């Protein structure tokens, strides 16, 4: 296949760069002597060149470090992935967040469900069951409050879990602290966005979330309530107002302290509007560093865990691949391969090597 040709300039020196869409082994470079520049150019295949290979996403990070974002966009082509990787690499803060390991294995829906519809998803030994709650309308009937969904619900839960472990307390500040944290992630704190946050806070407060964990012939129920109280109070006019503080349930807090998964705030910031990529990033952060040998995960298993909203596997696969690309853009240590039968996970460094010391 004929290569695409790009001319770039680095510190006043002209180079001729080639991008090949046919595959060669990862370690095999292409070599070209350009008579126009009288210089030797050595070009490596891009990550997307390798059939099913996403393990070389680090090449995009290398392109960004060596040539900058504009040239990386020309060479890699996928703007969303390059933008995420560039934002991640440019982050100066080293803030750490946490999620409970159960959320890394079974997550909330990506889209809104009918208000009275429960949610259930199973991944290996872990099942998540979310039952929508009921609330009394002022001078009106009982109505269903739907299941939390989408990226905003995930961000709120990450905030609650991260603050609890950072402070070592079940009691967490809301109000201004939550708005400041969302602002750091690039989430607008007014208008439609804050309305979405209020809606998800209400859903989280009213719903009942249960992690059912199977060990051999035994089945355990964990974390039936995330919170001991609602995150807001309902005013007479019907508009919810966030409370200044909220308290995690004792059971959930204990499980979170026993099974935390550390994540980087810089990564969460780049994925903040993509619930699919957030789920995959948390899953990889949980699984990869614990592996001793490569692990094959089949497409049906991936579909069951991540693709509840897709009725057909063929529609799920391209969405999953795109979300994996985004997750890898902010987790350069991750090593995996996409194959015909599914995905092969390889032992990799964790995104956070040293976690915060958990308060006693």
Protein backbone atom coordinates (compact mmCIF):
# COMPACT_ATOMS: atom_id res chain seq x y z
CA UNK A 1 0.00 0.00 0.00
CA UNK A 2 1.36 3.41 -0.91
CA UNK A 3 2.38 5.54 2.05
CA UNK A 4 1.05 8.97 2.86
CA UNK A 5 3.80 11.59 2.89
CA UNK A 6 4.11 14.45 5.35
CA UNK A 7 6.86 17.05 5.40
CA UNK A 8 7.60 18.46 8.85
CA UNK A 9 10.11 20.88 10.26
CA UNK A 10 11.85 20.45 13.60
CA UNK A 11 14.20 23.17 14.86
CA UNK A 12 14.78 24.46 11.35
CA UNK A 13 15.63 21.04 9.90
CA UNK A 14 13.44 19.53 7.20
CA UNK A 15 12.41 15.91 7.49
CA UNK A 16 10.29 13.71 5.30
CA UNK A 17 7.92 11.61 7.37
CA UNK A 18 5.96 8.66 6.03
CA UNK A 19 2.84 7.08 7.47
CA UNK A 20 2.24 3.47 6.42
CA UNK A 21 -1.17 1.85 6.72
CA UNK A 22 0.10 -1.64 5.96
CA UNK A 23 1.39 -3.56 8.94
CA UNK A 24 4.89 -4.59 9.91
CA UNK A 25 6.16 -6.01 13.19
CA UNK A 26 6.12 -3.37 15.88
CA UNK A 27 9.90 -3.19 16.12
CA UNK A 28 10.46 -2.95 12.35
CA UNK A 29 10.98 0.60 11.08
CA UNK A 30 10.62 1.83 7.52
CA UNK A 31 13.74 3.48 6.11
CA UNK A 32 13.84 6.05 3.34
CA UNK A 33 16.61 8.21 1.98
CA UNK A 34 15.19 11.43 0.59
CA UNK A 35 17.17 12.96 -2.27
CA UNK A 36 15.18 16.16 -1.72
CA UNK A 37 16.52 16.66 1.77
CA UNK A 38 19.61 14.42 1.60
CA UNK A 39 18.69 13.07 5.02
CA UNK A 40 17.69 9.66 6.27
CA UNK A 41 14.20 9.34 7.68
CA UNK A 42 13.23 6.40 9.90
CA UNK A 43 9.50 6.03 10.42
CA UNK A 44 7.65 3.56 12.60
CA UNK A 45 4.14 2.29 11.88
CA UNK A 46 1.35 4.04 13.74
CA UNK A 47 -0.59 2.22 16.47
CA UNK A 48 -3.65 1.83 14.24
CA UNK A 49 -1.53 0.05 11.60
CA UNK A 50 -1.18 -3.17 13.52
CA UNK A 51 -4.12 -5.50 12.89
CA UNK A 52 -6.01 -5.56 16.17
CA UNK A 53 -3.03 -4.00 17.95
CA UNK A 54 -3.68 -1.28 20.47
CA UNK A 55 -0.58 -2.08 22.50
CA UNK A 56 1.46 0.62 20.71
CA UNK A 57 -0.63 3.60 21.80
CA UNK A 58 2.60 4.77 23.43
CA UNK A 59 3.77 5.69 19.93
CA UNK A 60 1.19 8.50 19.88
CA UNK A 61 2.54 9.78 23.17
CA UNK A 62 6.03 9.65 21.67
CA UNK A 63 4.86 11.59 18.61
CA UNK A 64 3.38 14.24 20.88
CA UNK A 65 6.54 14.53 22.95
CA UNK A 66 8.85 14.72 19.92
CA UNK A 67 6.83 16.69 17.36
CA UNK A 68 3.90 18.33 19.17
CA UNK A 69 0.13 18.03 18.82
CA UNK A 70 -0.26 19.49 15.33
CA UNK A 71 2.11 17.01 13.73
CA UNK A 72 0.74 14.14 15.80
CA UNK A 73 -2.71 14.96 14.43
CA UNK A 74 -1.37 14.75 10.88
CA UNK A 75 0.32 11.44 11.50
CA UNK A 76 -2.23 9.72 13.74
CA UNK A 77 -5.42 11.12 12.28
CA UNK A 78 -7.71 10.44 15.27
CA UNK A 79 -8.27 13.92 16.70
CA UNK A 80 -10.20 12.82 19.79
CA UNK A 81 -7.49 10.36 20.84
CA UNK A 82 -4.63 12.80 20.16
CA UNK A 83 -6.41 15.61 22.02
CA UNK A 84 -6.95 13.33 25.04
CA UNK A 85 -3.35 12.13 25.03
CA UNK A 86 -2.03 15.70 24.65
CA UNK A 87 -4.20 16.94 27.51
CA UNK A 88 -3.09 14.07 29.71
CA UNK A 89 0.61 14.66 29.00
CA UNK A 90 0.27 18.41 29.58
CA UNK A 91 -1.35 17.98 33.01
CA UNK A 92 0.82 19.42 35.75
CA UNK A 93 -1.13 18.18 38.76
CA UNK A 94 -0.65 14.72 40.18
CA UNK A 95 -3.98 14.40 41.96
CA UNK A 96 -5.20 10.88 42.65
CA UNK A 97 -8.76 9.64 42.74
CA UNK A 98 -10.29 6.34 43.85
CA UNK A 99 -13.10 4.02 42.84
CA UNK A 100 -14.38 0.92 44.57
CA UNK A 101 -13.21 -2.21 42.72
CA UNK A 102 -16.81 -3.30 42.18
CA UNK A 103 -17.40 -0.24 39.96
CA UNK A 104 -14.38 -1.24 37.88
CA UNK A 105 -16.09 -4.55 37.07
CA UNK A 106 -19.77 -3.61 36.77
CA UNK A 107 -20.93 -0.10 35.96
CA UNK A 108 -24.04 2.04 35.56
CA UNK A 109 -25.94 2.43 32.27
CA UNK A 110 -24.64 4.93 29.73
CA UNK A 111 -28.05 6.24 28.72
CA UNK A 112 -31.27 7.08 30.53
CA UNK A 113 -33.63 4.19 31.26
CA UNK A 114 -37.38 4.47 31.85
CA UNK A 115 -37.76 5.80 35.41
CA UNK A 116 -39.26 2.61 36.86
CA UNK A 117 -36.77 0.24 35.14
CA UNK A 118 -34.04 -1.41 37.27
CA UNK A 119 -30.51 -2.04 36.00
CA UNK A 120 -28.47 -5.24 36.22
CA UNK A 121 -25.06 -6.08 34.80
CA UNK A 122 -22.79 -9.06 35.51
CA UNK A 123 -19.04 -9.40 34.99
CA UNK A 124 -17.55 -12.69 36.16
CA UNK A 125 -18.31 -13.11 39.86
CA UNK A 126 -19.64 -9.55 40.30
CA UNK A 127 -23.20 -8.41 39.60
CA UNK A 128 -24.48 -4.87 40.05
CA UNK A 129 -28.19 -4.43 40.68
CA UNK A 130 -29.61 -0.90 40.80
CA UNK A 131 -33.22 -0.39 41.87
CA UNK A 132 -34.80 3.00 41.16
CA UNK A 133 -36.19 4.77 44.20
CA UNK A 134 -39.50 6.45 44.93
CA UNK A 135 -40.18 9.98 46.09
CA UNK A 136 -43.26 11.84 47.17
CA UNK A 137 -44.20 14.85 45.05
CA UNK A 138 -45.29 17.82 47.18
CA UNK A 139 -49.10 17.60 47.36
CA UNK A 140 -48.89 14.84 44.76
CA UNK A 141 -48.34 11.11 44.23
CA UNK A 142 -45.29 8.86 44.61
CA UNK A 143 -43.11 8.84 41.50
CA UNK A 144 -40.14 6.74 40.43
CA UNK A 145 -36.72 8.35 40.46
CA UNK A 146 -34.75 6.64 37.71
CA UNK A 147 -31.41 4.86 37.85
CA UNK A 148 -28.25 7.04 37.67
CA UNK A 149 -26.62 7.00 34.24
CA UNK A 150 -23.96 8.56 32.03
CA UNK A 151 -20.70 10.37 32.73
CA UNK A 152 -22.07 12.82 35.33
CA UNK A 153 -23.21 10.02 37.65
CA UNK A 154 -19.79 8.40 37.37
CA UNK A 155 -17.97 11.67 38.12
CA UNK A 156 -20.10 12.32 41.21
CA UNK A 157 -19.39 8.80 42.52
CA UNK A 158 -15.65 9.17 41.82
CA UNK A 159 -15.68 12.45 43.76
CA UNK A 160 -17.47 10.91 46.75
CA UNK A 161 -15.12 7.93 46.90
CA UNK A 162 -11.96 9.99 46.36
CA UNK A 163 -12.84 12.53 49.05
CA UNK A 164 -13.74 9.80 51.54
CA UNK A 165 -10.36 8.11 51.16
CA UNK A 166 -8.44 11.37 50.96
CA UNK A 167 -9.87 12.58 54.27
CA UNK A 168 -10.36 9.20 55.89
CA UNK A 169 -13.94 10.14 56.75
CA UNK A 170 -17.39 8.99 55.66
CA UNK A 171 -18.55 12.60 55.79
CA UNK A 172 -17.90 14.45 52.54
CA UNK A 173 -18.24 18.13 51.68
CA UNK A 174 -20.59 18.93 48.82
CA UNK A 175 -21.75 22.31 47.55
CA UNK A 176 -18.74 24.43 46.67
CA UNK A 177 -16.24 21.56 46.97
CA UNK A 178 -18.10 19.43 44.42
CA UNK A 179 -18.47 22.40 42.06
CA UNK A 180 -14.76 23.22 42.32
CA UNK A 181 -13.83 19.60 41.58
CA UNK A 182 -16.14 19.45 38.57
CA UNK A 183 -14.64 22.74 37.40
CA UNK A 184 -11.16 21.21 37.55
CA UNK A 185 -12.43 18.49 35.23
CA UNK A 186 -13.65 21.08 32.75
CA UNK A 187 -17.35 20.58 33.57
CA UNK A 188 -19.28 23.89 33.43
CA UNK A 189 -20.85 24.69 36.79
CA UNK A 190 -23.95 26.50 35.61
CA UNK A 191 -26.99 26.18 33.37
CA UNK A 192 -27.71 22.80 31.79
CA UNK A 193 -24.61 21.15 33.27
CA UNK A 194 -25.45 21.90 36.90
CA UNK A 195 -29.02 20.74 36.25
CA UNK A 196 -27.62 17.42 35.02
CA UNK A 197 -25.48 17.15 38.17
CA UNK A 198 -28.52 17.80 40.39
CA UNK A 199 -30.52 15.18 38.50
CA UNK A 200 -27.81 12.53 38.96
CA UNK A 201 -27.38 13.46 42.66
CA UNK A 202 -31.09 12.86 43.13
CA UNK A 203 -30.94 9.50 41.35
CA UNK A 204 -27.91 8.39 43.39
CA UNK A 205 -29.61 9.45 46.62
CA UNK A 206 -32.88 7.59 46.01
CA UNK A 207 -31.71 4.43 44.26
CA UNK A 208 -30.60 1.21 45.93
CA UNK A 209 -27.36 -0.24 44.59
CA UNK A 210 -26.36 -3.81 45.42
CA UNK A 211 -23.14 -5.61 44.49
CA UNK A 212 -23.71 -9.35 44.48
CA UNK A 213 -20.41 -11.21 44.66
CA UNK A 214 -20.17 -14.97 44.06
CA UNK A 215 -17.34 -16.96 45.65
CA UNK A 216 -17.57 -20.64 44.86
CA UNK A 217 -20.99 -21.79 46.04
CA UNK A 218 -21.51 -18.71 48.23
CA UNK A 219 -23.19 -15.46 47.23
CA UNK A 220 -22.62 -12.27 49.20
CA UNK A 221 -24.52 -8.99 49.07
CA UNK A 222 -22.42 -5.87 49.49
CA UNK A 223 -23.11 -2.13 49.56
CA UNK A 224 -26.89 -2.11 49.49
CA UNK A 225 -26.84 1.64 50.20
CA UNK A 226 -24.09 4.00 49.02
CA UNK A 227 -25.25 6.92 51.17
CA UNK A 228 -26.71 7.23 54.65
CA UNK A 229 -28.67 10.29 53.59
CA UNK A 230 -29.76 12.16 50.48
CA UNK A 231 -27.33 14.58 48.82
CA UNK A 232 -29.90 17.35 48.76
CA UNK A 233 -33.03 18.62 50.42
CA UNK A 234 -36.23 19.19 48.50
CA UNK A 235 -37.59 22.72 48.77
CA UNK A 236 -41.31 23.53 48.68
CA UNK A 237 -41.00 24.74 45.10
CA UNK A 238 -39.71 21.30 44.17
CA UNK A 239 -36.16 22.34 43.27
CA UNK A 240 -33.51 20.23 45.03
CA UNK A 241 -30.74 22.05 46.92
CA UNK A 242 -27.40 20.35 47.54
CA UNK A 243 -26.53 19.87 51.19
CA UNK A 244 -23.20 21.06 52.54
CA UNK A 245 -22.16 17.55 53.54
CA UNK A 246 -23.18 13.96 52.85
CA UNK A 247 -22.18 10.71 54.54
CA UNK A 248 -21.29 7.41 52.87
CA UNK A 249 -22.89 4.34 54.37
CA UNK A 250 -20.67 2.50 56.83
CA UNK A 251 -20.79 -0.71 54.80
CA UNK A 252 -19.80 0.96 51.53
CA UNK A 253 -17.02 2.98 53.18
CA UNK A 254 -15.55 -0.18 54.71
CA UNK A 255 -15.59 -1.98 51.34
CA UNK A 256 -14.07 1.05 49.60
CA UNK A 257 -11.19 1.14 52.09
CA UNK A 258 -10.57 -2.59 51.58
CA UNK A 259 -10.78 -2.56 47.78
CA UNK A 260 -9.81 0.84 46.32
CA UNK A 261 -8.67 1.29 42.71
CA UNK A 262 -6.45 4.39 42.32
CA UNK A 263 -6.90 6.49 39.18
CA UNK A 264 -5.37 9.77 38.02
CA UNK A 265 -7.43 12.93 37.98
CA UNK A 266 -5.64 13.96 34.77
CA UNK A 267 -7.04 10.86 33.05
CA UNK A 268 -10.54 11.38 34.44
CA UNK A 269 -10.46 14.98 33.18
CA UNK A 270 -9.84 13.88 29.58
CA UNK A 271 -12.59 11.23 29.71
CA UNK A 272 -15.09 13.28 31.72
CA UNK A 273 -17.70 13.41 28.95
CA UNK A 274 -17.40 9.80 27.82
CA UNK A 275 -18.93 7.26 30.22
CA UNK A 276 -17.85 4.31 28.04
CA UNK A 277 -14.18 5.32 28.10
CA UNK A 278 -14.36 6.04 31.85
CA UNK A 279 -15.58 2.50 32.50
CA UNK A 280 -12.84 0.94 30.38
CA UNK A 281 -10.12 3.08 31.97
CA UNK A 282 -11.22 2.07 35.48
CA UNK A 283 -11.44 -1.58 34.40
CA UNK A 284 -7.92 -1.54 32.96
CA UNK A 285 -6.59 0.27 36.05
CA UNK A 286 -8.09 -2.53 38.15
CA UNK A 287 -7.09 -5.53 36.01
CA UNK A 288 -3.77 -4.95 34.27
CA UNK A 289 -1.39 -4.41 37.18
CA UNK A 290 -2.66 -7.55 38.95
CA UNK A 291 -2.01 -9.88 35.99
CA UNK A 292 0.90 -12.31 36.06
CA UNK A 293 0.35 -13.66 32.54
CA UNK A 294 -1.65 -12.47 29.49
CA UNK A 295 -5.41 -12.85 29.79
CA UNK A 296 -7.80 -13.33 26.87
CA UNK A 297 -11.29 -11.78 27.27
CA UNK A 298 -13.79 -12.87 24.61
CA UNK A 299 -16.08 -10.54 22.69
CA UNK A 300 -19.21 -12.09 24.28
CA UNK A 301 -17.75 -11.46 27.75
CA UNK A 302 -16.88 -7.86 26.84
CA UNK A 303 -20.35 -7.37 25.40
CA UNK A 304 -21.97 -8.68 28.59
CA UNK A 305 -19.89 -6.37 30.77
CA UNK A 306 -19.79 -3.17 28.72
CA UNK A 307 -22.42 -3.51 26.00
CA UNK A 308 -25.79 -3.88 27.70
CA UNK A 309 -27.10 -1.04 25.53
CA UNK A 310 -26.16 -2.83 22.29
CA UNK A 311 -28.43 -5.63 21.13
CA UNK A 312 -25.98 -6.88 18.49
CA UNK A 313 -22.30 -7.64 18.98
CA UNK A 314 -21.40 -6.20 15.57
CA UNK A 315 -22.66 -2.78 16.68
CA UNK A 316 -20.84 -3.00 20.00
CA UNK A 317 -17.36 -3.78 18.63
CA UNK A 318 -16.56 -0.46 16.89
CA UNK A 319 -17.84 1.55 19.86
CA UNK A 320 -15.75 -0.54 22.22
CA UNK A 321 -12.61 -0.13 20.09
CA UNK A 322 -13.06 3.65 19.98
CA UNK A 323 -13.54 3.81 23.76
CA UNK A 324 -10.46 1.63 24.33
CA UNK A 325 -8.40 4.01 22.17
CA UNK A 326 -9.49 6.91 24.38
CA UNK A 327 -8.76 5.00 27.58
CA UNK A 328 -5.28 4.08 26.35
CA UNK A 329 -4.62 7.70 25.42
CA UNK A 330 -4.64 8.51 29.16
CA UNK A 331 -3.10 5.23 30.35
CA UNK A 332 0.17 4.98 28.36
CA UNK A 333 1.48 2.10 30.52
CA UNK A 334 -1.42 -0.17 29.49
CA UNK A 335 -0.58 -3.07 27.18
CA UNK A 336 -3.26 -4.99 25.32
CA UNK A 337 -4.08 -6.40 21.89
CA UNK A 338 -7.37 -6.47 20.05
CA UNK A 339 -7.88 -9.83 18.38
CA UNK A 340 -10.49 -11.57 16.26
CA UNK A 341 -11.80 -13.47 19.30
CA UNK A 342 -11.62 -10.56 21.74
CA UNK A 343 -8.99 -8.64 23.68
CA UNK A 344 -5.75 -9.88 25.23
CA UNK A 345 -4.68 -8.05 28.38
CA UNK A 346 -0.98 -8.03 29.28
CA UNK A 347 0.60 -7.39 32.70
CA UNK A 348 1.17 -3.63 32.90
CA UNK A 349 2.18 -0.98 35.37
CA UNK A 350 -0.68 0.59 37.28
CA UNK A 351 -1.62 4.16 36.27
CA UNK A 352 -0.77 5.21 39.84
CA UNK A 353 2.30 3.57 41.32
CA UNK A 354 1.96 4.94 44.85
CA UNK A 355 -1.45 5.53 46.35
CA UNK A 356 -2.27 8.04 49.04
CA UNK A 357 -1.83 6.73 52.56
CA UNK A 358 -5.32 5.88 53.73
CA UNK A 359 -6.22 7.55 56.96
CA UNK A 360 -6.75 5.21 59.85
